[in-house]
PDB file of all heavy atoms in Angstrom:
ATOM      1  N   GLU A   1     -91.344 -79.516  -3.737  1.00  0.00           N
ATOM      2  CA  GLU A   1     -92.766 -79.134  -3.798  1.00  0.00           C
ATOM      3  C   GLU A   1     -92.901 -77.623  -3.984  1.00  0.00           C
ATOM      4  O   GLU A   1     -93.686 -77.155  -4.797  1.00  0.00           O
ATOM      5  CB  GLU A   1     -93.496 -79.592  -2.538  1.00  0.00           C
ATOM      6  CG  GLU A   1     -94.965 -79.237  -2.515  1.00  0.00           C
ATOM      7  CD  GLU A   1     -95.817 -79.994  -3.525  1.00  0.00           C
ATOM      8  OE1 GLU A   1     -95.350 -80.995  -4.102  1.00  0.00           O
ATOM      9  OE2 GLU A   1     -96.972 -79.574  -3.740  1.00  0.00           O
ATOM     10  N   TYR A   2     -92.127 -76.854  -3.227  1.00  0.00           N
ATOM     11  CA  TYR A   2     -92.173 -75.398  -3.369  1.00  0.00           C
ATOM     12  C   TYR A   2     -91.691 -74.962  -4.751  1.00  0.00           C
ATOM     13  O   TYR A   2     -92.274 -74.070  -5.373  1.00  0.00           O
ATOM     14  CB  TYR A   2     -91.358 -74.714  -2.270  1.00  0.00           C
ATOM     15  CG  TYR A   2     -92.243 -74.104  -1.218  1.00  0.00           C
ATOM     16  CD1 TYR A   2     -92.770 -74.878  -0.207  1.00  0.00           C
ATOM     17  CD2 TYR A   2     -92.593 -72.765  -1.270  1.00  0.00           C
ATOM     18  CE1 TYR A   2     -93.603 -74.330   0.744  1.00  0.00           C
ATOM     19  CE2 TYR A   2     -93.427 -72.204  -0.326  1.00  0.00           C
ATOM     20  CZ  TYR A   2     -93.927 -73.000   0.682  1.00  0.00           C
ATOM     21  OH  TYR A   2     -94.762 -72.450   1.612  1.00  0.00           O
ATOM     22  N   ILE A   3     -90.632 -75.572  -5.235  1.00  0.00           N
ATOM     23  CA  ILE A   3     -90.122 -75.228  -6.570  1.00  0.00           C
ATOM     24  C   ILE A   3     -91.167 -75.541  -7.635  1.00  0.00           C
ATOM     25  O   ILE A   3     -91.396 -74.745  -8.549  1.00  0.00           O
ATOM     26  CB  ILE A   3     -88.787 -75.960  -6.841  1.00  0.00           C
ATOM     27  CG1 ILE A   3     -87.686 -75.348  -5.974  1.00  0.00           C
ATOM     28  CG2 ILE A   3     -88.413 -75.900  -8.315  1.00  0.00           C
ATOM     29  CD1 ILE A   3     -86.357 -76.081  -6.005  1.00  0.00           C
ATOM     30  N   LYS A   4     -91.855 -76.670  -7.490  1.00  0.00           N
ATOM     31  CA  LYS A   4     -92.911 -77.038  -8.440  1.00  0.00           C
ATOM     32  C   LYS A   4     -94.019 -75.971  -8.461  1.00  0.00           C
ATOM     33  O   LYS A   4     -94.464 -75.544  -9.526  1.00  0.00           O
ATOM     34  CB  LYS A   4     -93.507 -78.399  -8.061  1.00  0.00           C
ATOM     35  CG  LYS A   4     -94.632 -78.862  -8.979  1.00  0.00           C
ATOM     36  CD  LYS A   4     -95.279 -80.130  -8.473  1.00  0.00           C
ATOM     37  CE  LYS A   4     -96.212 -79.789  -7.399  1.00  0.00           C
ATOM     38  NZ  LYS A   4     -97.537 -80.079  -7.327  1.00  0.00           N
ATOM     39  N   VAL A   5     -94.413 -75.510  -7.287  1.00  0.00           N
ATOM     40  CA  VAL A   5     -95.474 -74.503  -7.198  1.00  0.00           C
ATOM     41  C   VAL A   5     -95.008 -73.172  -7.784  1.00  0.00           C
ATOM     42  O   VAL A   5     -95.753 -72.500  -8.505  1.00  0.00           O
ATOM     43  CB  VAL A   5     -95.945 -74.332  -5.738  1.00  0.00           C
ATOM     44  CG1 VAL A   5     -96.863 -73.127  -5.589  1.00  0.00           C
ATOM     45  CG2 VAL A   5     -96.644 -75.599  -5.268  1.00  0.00           C
ATOM     46  N   ILE A   6     -93.782 -72.783  -7.513  1.00  0.00           N
ATOM     47  CA  ILE A   6     -93.262 -71.524  -8.051  1.00  0.00           C
ATOM     48  C   ILE A   6     -93.210 -71.574  -9.580  1.00  0.00           C
ATOM     49  O   ILE A   6     -93.514 -70.594 -10.253  1.00  0.00           O
ATOM     50  CB  ILE A   6     -91.891 -71.185  -7.428  1.00  0.00           C
ATOM     51  CG1 ILE A   6     -92.087 -70.830  -5.959  1.00  0.00           C
ATOM     52  CG2 ILE A   6     -91.202 -70.047  -8.173  1.00  0.00           C
ATOM     53  CD1 ILE A   6     -90.814 -70.690  -5.156  1.00  0.00           C
ATOM     54  N   LYS A   7     -92.868 -72.734 -10.129  1.00  0.00           N
ATOM     55  CA  LYS A   7     -92.853 -72.886 -11.587  1.00  0.00           C
ATOM     56  C   LYS A   7     -94.239 -72.714 -12.197  1.00  0.00           C
ATOM     57  O   LYS A   7     -94.365 -72.327 -13.358  1.00  0.00           O
ATOM     58  CB  LYS A   7     -92.296 -74.258 -11.974  1.00  0.00           C
ATOM     59  CG  LYS A   7     -90.811 -74.385 -11.812  1.00  0.00           C
ATOM     60  CD  LYS A   7     -90.337 -75.769 -12.212  1.00  0.00           C
ATOM     61  CE  LYS A   7     -88.831 -75.904 -12.076  1.00  0.00           C
ATOM     62  NZ  LYS A   7     -88.370 -77.262 -12.424  1.00  0.00           N
ATOM     63  N   GLU A   8     -95.280 -72.993 -11.425  1.00  0.00           N
ATOM     64  CA  GLU A   8     -96.657 -72.870 -11.912  1.00  0.00           C
ATOM     65  C   GLU A   8     -97.207 -71.453 -11.787  1.00  0.00           C
ATOM     66  O   GLU A   8     -98.302 -71.172 -12.286  1.00  0.00           O
ATOM     67  CB  GLU A   8     -97.564 -73.828 -11.132  1.00  0.00           C
ATOM     68  CG  GLU A   8     -97.268 -75.284 -11.367  1.00  0.00           C
ATOM     69  CD  GLU A   8     -98.111 -76.207 -10.489  1.00  0.00           C
ATOM     70  OE1 GLU A   8     -99.042 -75.721  -9.793  1.00  0.00           O
ATOM     71  OE2 GLU A   8     -97.850 -77.421 -10.497  1.00  0.00           O
ATOM     72  N   MET A   9     -96.468 -70.559 -11.137  1.00  0.00           N
ATOM     73  CA  MET A   9     -96.966 -69.200 -10.927  1.00  0.00           C
ATOM     74  C   MET A   9     -97.191 -68.481 -12.257  1.00  0.00           C
ATOM     75  O   MET A   9     -96.460 -68.710 -13.217  1.00  0.00           O
ATOM     76  CB  MET A   9     -95.969 -68.390 -10.097  1.00  0.00           C
ATOM     77  CG  MET A   9     -95.942 -68.744  -8.650  1.00  0.00           C
ATOM     78  SD  MET A   9     -94.788 -67.652  -7.765  1.00  0.00           S
ATOM     79  CE  MET A   9     -95.157 -68.121  -6.096  1.00  0.00           C
ATOM     80  N   PRO A  10     -98.191 -67.600 -12.281  1.00  0.00           N
ATOM     81  CA  PRO A  10     -98.360 -66.764 -13.476  1.00  0.00           C
ATOM     82  C   PRO A  10     -97.198 -65.774 -13.570  1.00  0.00           C
ATOM     83  O   PRO A  10     -96.434 -65.613 -12.617  1.00  0.00           O
ATOM     84  CB  PRO A  10     -99.675 -66.031 -13.209  1.00  0.00           C
ATOM     85  CG  PRO A  10     -99.811 -66.014 -11.723  1.00  0.00           C
ATOM     86  CD  PRO A  10     -99.157 -67.287 -11.232  1.00  0.00           C
ATOM     87  N   LYS A  11     -97.090 -65.120 -14.701  1.00  0.00           N
ATOM     88  CA  LYS A  11     -96.024 -64.124 -14.864  1.00  0.00           C
ATOM     89  C   LYS A  11     -96.201 -62.992 -13.852  1.00  0.00           C
ATOM     90  O   LYS A  11     -97.312 -62.573 -13.559  1.00  0.00           O
ATOM     91  CB  LYS A  11     -96.033 -63.560 -16.289  1.00  0.00           C
ATOM     92  CG  LYS A  11     -95.528 -64.562 -17.293  1.00  0.00           C
ATOM     93  CD  LYS A  11     -95.313 -63.925 -18.642  1.00  0.00           C
ATOM     94  CE  LYS A  11     -94.667 -64.937 -19.568  1.00  0.00           C
ATOM     95  NZ  LYS A  11     -94.285 -64.344 -20.833  1.00  0.00           N
ATOM     96  N   TRP A  12     -95.071 -62.552 -13.343  1.00  0.00           N
ATOM     97  CA  TRP A  12     -95.037 -61.470 -12.368  1.00  0.00           C
ATOM     98  C   TRP A  12     -94.975 -60.128 -13.078  1.00  0.00           C
ATOM     99  O   TRP A  12     -94.680 -60.039 -14.267  1.00  0.00           O
ATOM    100  CB  TRP A  12     -93.804 -61.617 -11.489  1.00  0.00           C
ATOM    101  CG  TRP A  12     -93.891 -62.704 -10.459  1.00  0.00           C
ATOM    102  CD1 TRP A  12     -94.362 -63.968 -10.616  1.00  0.00           C
ATOM    103  CD2 TRP A  12     -93.465 -62.614  -9.112  1.00  0.00           C
ATOM    104  NE1 TRP A  12     -94.258 -64.665  -9.461  1.00  0.00           N
ATOM    105  CE2 TRP A  12     -93.699 -63.860  -8.517  1.00  0.00           C
ATOM    106  CE3 TRP A  12     -92.891 -61.600  -8.353  1.00  0.00           C
ATOM    107  CZ2 TRP A  12     -93.398 -64.111  -7.188  1.00  0.00           C
ATOM    108  CZ3 TRP A  12     -92.585 -61.864  -7.031  1.00  0.00           C
ATOM    109  CH2 TRP A  12     -92.847 -63.097  -6.459  1.00  0.00           C
ATOM    110  N   ASP A  13     -95.203 -59.066 -12.306  1.00  0.00           N
ATOM    111  CA  ASP A  13     -94.928 -57.713 -12.781  1.00  0.00           C
ATOM    112  C   ASP A  13     -93.429 -57.510 -12.547  1.00  0.00           C
ATOM    113  O   ASP A  13     -92.976 -57.574 -11.396  1.00  0.00           O
ATOM    114  CB  ASP A  13     -95.737 -56.679 -12.000  1.00  0.00           C
ATOM    115  CG  ASP A  13     -97.237 -56.886 -12.174  1.00  0.00           C
ATOM    116  OD1 ASP A  13     -97.660 -57.264 -13.281  1.00  0.00           O
ATOM    117  OD2 ASP A  13     -97.979 -56.683 -11.192  1.00  0.00           O
ATOM    118  N   PRO A  14     -92.653 -57.304 -13.609  1.00  0.00           N
ATOM    119  CA  PRO A  14     -91.193 -57.241 -13.446  1.00  0.00           C
ATOM    120  C   PRO A  14     -90.730 -55.987 -12.711  1.00  0.00           C
ATOM    121  O   PRO A  14     -91.465 -55.012 -12.587  1.00  0.00           O
ATOM    122  CB  PRO A  14     -90.678 -57.256 -14.889  1.00  0.00           C
ATOM    123  CG  PRO A  14     -91.807 -56.747 -15.701  1.00  0.00           C
ATOM    124  CD  PRO A  14     -93.065 -57.139 -14.991  1.00  0.00           C
ATOM    125  N   ALA A  15     -89.493 -56.038 -12.256  1.00  0.00           N
ATOM    126  CA  ALA A  15     -88.881 -54.913 -11.542  1.00  0.00           C
ATOM    127  C   ALA A  15     -88.491 -53.816 -12.536  1.00  0.00           C
ATOM    128  O   ALA A  15     -88.334 -54.066 -13.730  1.00  0.00           O
ATOM    129  CB  ALA A  15     -87.648 -55.397 -10.789  1.00  0.00           C
ATOM    130  N   LYS A  16     -88.313 -52.610 -11.985  1.00  0.00           N
ATOM    131  CA  LYS A  16     -87.866 -51.475 -12.798  1.00  0.00           C
ATOM    132  C   LYS A  16     -86.752 -50.751 -12.061  1.00  0.00           C
ATOM    133  O   LYS A  16     -86.791 -50.586 -10.847  1.00  0.00           O
ATOM    134  CB  LYS A  16     -89.012 -50.507 -13.066  1.00  0.00           C
ATOM    135  CG  LYS A  16     -90.070 -51.076 -13.973  1.00  0.00           C
ATOM    136  CD  LYS A  16     -91.140 -50.065 -14.281  1.00  0.00           C
ATOM    137  CE  LYS A  16     -92.179 -50.697 -15.194  1.00  0.00           C
ATOM    138  NZ  LYS A  16     -93.275 -49.765 -15.463  1.00  0.00           N
ATOM    139  N   LYS A  17     -85.769 -50.349 -12.842  1.00  0.00           N
ATOM    140  CA  LYS A  17     -84.659 -49.553 -12.319  1.00  0.00           C
ATOM    141  C   LYS A  17     -84.382 -48.436 -13.313  1.00  0.00           C
ATOM    142  O   LYS A  17     -84.220 -48.694 -14.497  1.00  0.00           O
ATOM    143  CB  LYS A  17     -83.420 -50.416 -12.114  1.00  0.00           C
ATOM    144  CG  LYS A  17     -82.268 -49.665 -11.463  1.00  0.00           C
ATOM    145  CD  LYS A  17     -81.229 -50.634 -10.951  1.00  0.00           C
ATOM    146  CE  LYS A  17     -80.095 -49.948 -10.253  1.00  0.00           C
ATOM    147  NZ  LYS A  17     -80.465 -49.383  -8.964  1.00  0.00           N
ATOM    148  N   ASP A  18     -84.365 -47.218 -12.820  1.00  0.00           N
ATOM    149  CA  ASP A  18     -84.146 -46.038 -13.665  1.00  0.00           C
ATOM    150  C   ASP A  18     -85.134 -46.009 -14.833  1.00  0.00           C
ATOM    151  O   ASP A  18     -84.769 -45.662 -15.959  1.00  0.00           O
ATOM    152  CB  ASP A  18     -82.703 -46.002 -14.172  1.00  0.00           C
ATOM    153  CG  ASP A  18     -81.690 -45.934 -13.036  1.00  0.00           C
ATOM    154  OD1 ASP A  18     -82.003 -45.315 -11.997  1.00  0.00           O
ATOM    155  OD2 ASP A  18     -80.596 -46.504 -13.180  1.00  0.00           O
ATOM    156  N   GLY A  19     -86.356 -46.425 -14.579  1.00  0.00           N
ATOM    157  CA  GLY A  19     -87.402 -46.379 -15.593  1.00  0.00           C
ATOM    158  C   GLY A  19     -87.388 -47.525 -16.593  1.00  0.00           C
ATOM    159  O   GLY A  19     -88.225 -47.581 -17.473  1.00  0.00           O
ATOM    160  N   LYS A  20     -86.426 -48.433 -16.470  1.00  0.00           N
ATOM    161  CA  LYS A  20     -86.317 -49.561 -17.395  1.00  0.00           C
ATOM    162  C   LYS A  20     -86.720 -50.853 -16.693  1.00  0.00           C
ATOM    163  O   LYS A  20     -86.434 -51.048 -15.517  1.00  0.00           O
ATOM    164  CB  LYS A  20     -84.883 -49.732 -17.892  1.00  0.00           C
ATOM    165  CG  LYS A  20     -84.378 -48.656 -18.794  1.00  0.00           C
ATOM    166  CD  LYS A  20     -82.956 -49.013 -19.205  1.00  0.00           C
ATOM    167  CE  LYS A  20     -82.343 -47.971 -20.098  1.00  0.00           C
ATOM    168  NZ  LYS A  20     -80.959 -48.313 -20.429  1.00  0.00           N
ATOM    169  N   VAL A  21     -87.345 -51.739 -17.437  1.00  0.00           N
ATOM    170  CA  VAL A  21     -87.665 -53.069 -16.921  1.00  0.00           C
ATOM    171  C   VAL A  21     -86.363 -53.863 -16.857  1.00  0.00           C
ATOM    172  O   VAL A  21     -85.589 -53.870 -17.811  1.00  0.00           O
ATOM    173  CB  VAL A  21     -88.696 -53.778 -17.832  1.00  0.00           C
ATOM    174  CG1 VAL A  21     -88.910 -55.210 -17.406  1.00  0.00           C
ATOM    175  CG2 VAL A  21     -90.016 -53.012 -17.832  1.00  0.00           C
ATOM    176  N   VAL A  22     -86.113 -54.499 -15.712  1.00  0.00           N
ATOM    177  CA  VAL A  22     -84.864 -55.238 -15.503  1.00  0.00           C
ATOM    178  C   VAL A  22     -85.144 -56.612 -14.910  1.00  0.00           C
ATOM    179  O   VAL A  22     -86.224 -56.868 -14.382  1.00  0.00           O
ATOM    180  CB  VAL A  22     -83.902 -54.465 -14.559  1.00  0.00           C
ATOM    181  CG1 VAL A  22     -83.455 -53.159 -15.187  1.00  0.00           C
ATOM    182  CG2 VAL A  22     -84.535 -54.242 -13.198  1.00  0.00           C
ATOM    183  N   ARG A  23     -84.141 -57.469 -15.000  1.00  0.00           N
ATOM    184  CA  ARG A  23     -84.175 -58.772 -14.324  1.00  0.00           C
ATOM    185  C   ARG A  23     -83.883 -58.526 -12.845  1.00  0.00           C
ATOM    186  O   ARG A  23     -83.051 -57.679 -12.519  1.00  0.00           O
ATOM    187  CB  ARG A  23     -83.118 -59.700 -14.902  1.00  0.00           C
ATOM    188  CG  ARG A  23     -83.279 -59.968 -16.372  1.00  0.00           C
ATOM    189  CD  ARG A  23     -82.100 -60.714 -16.941  1.00  0.00           C
ATOM    190  NE  ARG A  23     -82.191 -62.129 -16.545  1.00  0.00           N
ATOM    191  CZ  ARG A  23     -81.145 -62.927 -16.408  1.00  0.00           C
ATOM    192  NH1 ARG A  23     -79.923 -62.484 -16.603  1.00  0.00           N
ATOM    193  NH2 ARG A  23     -81.313 -64.186 -16.052  1.00  0.00           N
ATOM    194  N   SER A  24     -84.542 -59.265 -11.969  1.00  0.00           N
ATOM    195  CA  SER A  24     -84.314 -59.053 -10.543  1.00  0.00           C
ATOM    196  C   SER A  24     -84.309 -60.369  -9.773  1.00  0.00           C
ATOM    197  O   SER A  24     -84.932 -61.343 -10.187  1.00  0.00           O
ATOM    198  CB  SER A  24     -85.373 -58.117  -9.954  1.00  0.00           C
ATOM    199  OG  SER A  24     -86.655 -58.703 -10.040  1.00  0.00           O
ATOM    200  N   LEU A  25     -83.587 -60.357  -8.664  1.00  0.00           N
ATOM    201  CA  LEU A  25     -83.527 -61.514  -7.783  1.00  0.00           C
ATOM    202  C   LEU A  25     -84.559 -61.333  -6.687  1.00  0.00           C
ATOM    203  O   LEU A  25     -84.616 -60.294  -6.031  1.00  0.00           O
ATOM    204  CB  LEU A  25     -82.129 -61.640  -7.162  1.00  0.00           C
ATOM    205  CG  LEU A  25     -81.922 -62.859  -6.274  1.00  0.00           C
ATOM    206  CD1 LEU A  25     -81.948 -64.133  -7.125  1.00  0.00           C
ATOM    207  CD2 LEU A  25     -80.592 -62.760  -5.544  1.00  0.00           C
ATOM    208  N   TYR A  26     -85.379 -62.329  -6.499  1.00  0.00           N
ATOM    209  CA  TYR A  26     -86.431 -62.302  -5.486  1.00  0.00           C
ATOM    210  C   TYR A  26     -86.131 -63.408  -4.486  1.00  0.00           C
ATOM    211  O   TYR A  26     -85.892 -64.548  -4.876  1.00  0.00           O
ATOM    212  CB  TYR A  26     -87.788 -62.536  -6.142  1.00  0.00           C
ATOM    213  CG  TYR A  26     -88.971 -62.292  -5.246  1.00  0.00           C
ATOM    214  CD1 TYR A  26     -89.633 -61.074  -5.271  1.00  0.00           C
ATOM    215  CD2 TYR A  26     -89.435 -63.277  -4.390  1.00  0.00           C
ATOM    216  CE1 TYR A  26     -90.732 -60.839  -4.461  1.00  0.00           C
ATOM    217  CE2 TYR A  26     -90.527 -63.051  -3.577  1.00  0.00           C
ATOM    218  CZ  TYR A  26     -91.171 -61.833  -3.615  1.00  0.00           C
ATOM    219  OH  TYR A  26     -92.261 -61.607  -2.804  1.00  0.00           O
ATOM    220  N   THR A  27     -86.137 -63.080  -3.202  1.00  0.00           N
ATOM    221  CA  THR A  27     -85.911 -64.066  -2.156  1.00  0.00           C
ATOM    222  C   THR A  27     -87.195 -64.225  -1.358  1.00  0.00           C
ATOM    223  O   THR A  27     -87.748 -63.244  -0.852  1.00  0.00           O
ATOM    224  CB  THR A  27     -84.765 -63.637  -1.223  1.00  0.00           C
ATOM    225  OG1 THR A  27     -83.587 -63.458  -2.012  1.00  0.00           O
ATOM    226  CG2 THR A  27     -84.501 -64.694  -0.172  1.00  0.00           C
ATOM    227  N   LEU A  28     -87.647 -65.454  -1.265  1.00  0.00           N
ATOM    228  CA  LEU A  28     -88.893 -65.768  -0.568  1.00  0.00           C
ATOM    229  C   LEU A  28     -88.581 -66.592   0.683  1.00  0.00           C
ATOM    230  O   LEU A  28     -88.291 -67.779   0.579  1.00  0.00           O
ATOM    231  CB  LEU A  28     -89.815 -66.564  -1.499  1.00  0.00           C
ATOM    232  CG  LEU A  28     -91.149 -67.007  -0.936  1.00  0.00           C
ATOM    233  CD1 LEU A  28     -92.051 -65.807  -0.671  1.00  0.00           C
ATOM    234  CD2 LEU A  28     -91.829 -67.975  -1.897  1.00  0.00           C
ATOM    235  N   PRO A  29     -88.610 -65.957   1.875  1.00  0.00           N
ATOM    236  CA  PRO A  29     -88.416 -66.734   3.096  1.00  0.00           C
ATOM    237  C   PRO A  29     -89.699 -67.505   3.410  1.00  0.00           C
ATOM    238  O   PRO A  29     -90.798 -66.975   3.276  1.00  0.00           O
ATOM    239  CB  PRO A  29     -88.159 -65.689   4.177  1.00  0.00           C
ATOM    240  CG  PRO A  29     -88.046 -64.390   3.479  1.00  0.00           C
ATOM    241  CD  PRO A  29     -88.667 -64.542   2.142  1.00  0.00           C
ATOM    242  N   VAL A  30     -89.556 -68.743   3.821  1.00  0.00           N
ATOM    243  CA  VAL A  30     -90.710 -69.580   4.128  1.00  0.00           C
ATOM    244  C   VAL A  30     -90.560 -70.111   5.548  1.00  0.00           C
ATOM    245  O   VAL A  30     -89.508 -70.629   5.912  1.00  0.00           O
ATOM    246  CB  VAL A  30     -90.818 -70.757   3.132  1.00  0.00           C
ATOM    247  CG1 VAL A  30     -92.003 -71.636   3.468  1.00  0.00           C
ATOM    248  CG2 VAL A  30     -90.909 -70.245   1.705  1.00  0.00           C
ATOM    249  N   ASN A  31     -91.600 -69.960   6.344  1.00  0.00           N
ATOM    250  CA  ASN A  31     -91.634 -70.472   7.709  1.00  0.00           C
ATOM    251  C   ASN A  31     -92.874 -71.349   7.819  1.00  0.00           C
ATOM    252  O   ASN A  31     -93.994 -70.852   7.734  1.00  0.00           O
ATOM    253  CB  ASN A  31     -91.692 -69.318   8.707  1.00  0.00           C
ATOM    254  CG  ASN A  31     -91.783 -69.787  10.139  1.00  0.00           C
ATOM    255  OD1 ASN A  31     -91.644 -70.973  10.426  1.00  0.00           O
ATOM    256  ND2 ASN A  31     -92.022 -68.860  11.040  1.00  0.00           N
ATOM    257  N   ILE A  32     -92.671 -72.655   8.012  1.00  0.00           N
ATOM    258  CA  ILE A  32     -93.795 -73.586   8.099  1.00  0.00           C
ATOM    259  C   ILE A  32     -93.803 -74.195   9.489  1.00  0.00           C
ATOM    260  O   ILE A  32     -92.795 -74.741   9.947  1.00  0.00           O
ATOM    261  CB  ILE A  32     -93.669 -74.714   7.050  1.00  0.00           C
ATOM    262  CG1 ILE A  32     -93.586 -74.111   5.658  1.00  0.00           C
ATOM    263  CG2 ILE A  32     -94.839 -75.677   7.163  1.00  0.00           C
ATOM    264  CD1 ILE A  32     -93.264 -75.123   4.585  1.00  0.00           C
ATOM    265  N   LYS A  33     -94.950 -74.104  10.166  1.00  0.00           N
ATOM    266  CA  LYS A  33     -95.138 -74.738  11.466  1.00  0.00           C
ATOM    267  C   LYS A  33     -96.144 -75.859  11.268  1.00  0.00           C
ATOM    268  O   LYS A  33     -97.329 -75.609  11.014  1.00  0.00           O
ATOM    269  CB  LYS A  33     -95.654 -73.727  12.487  1.00  0.00           C
ATOM    270  CG  LYS A  33     -94.665 -72.637  12.787  1.00  0.00           C
ATOM    271  CD  LYS A  33     -95.232 -71.616  13.752  1.00  0.00           C
ATOM    272  CE  LYS A  33     -94.245 -70.485  13.955  1.00  0.00           C
ATOM    273  NZ  LYS A  33     -94.791 -69.413  14.777  1.00  0.00           N
TER     274      LYS A  33
END
């Protein structure tokens, strides 16, 4: 379900390193009560 929702997300603002747009790894911790 979470993967399905993430796939529906609009495009993000990408990361930058040394002034260049780069690919980046994003980790999303989820805590559900």
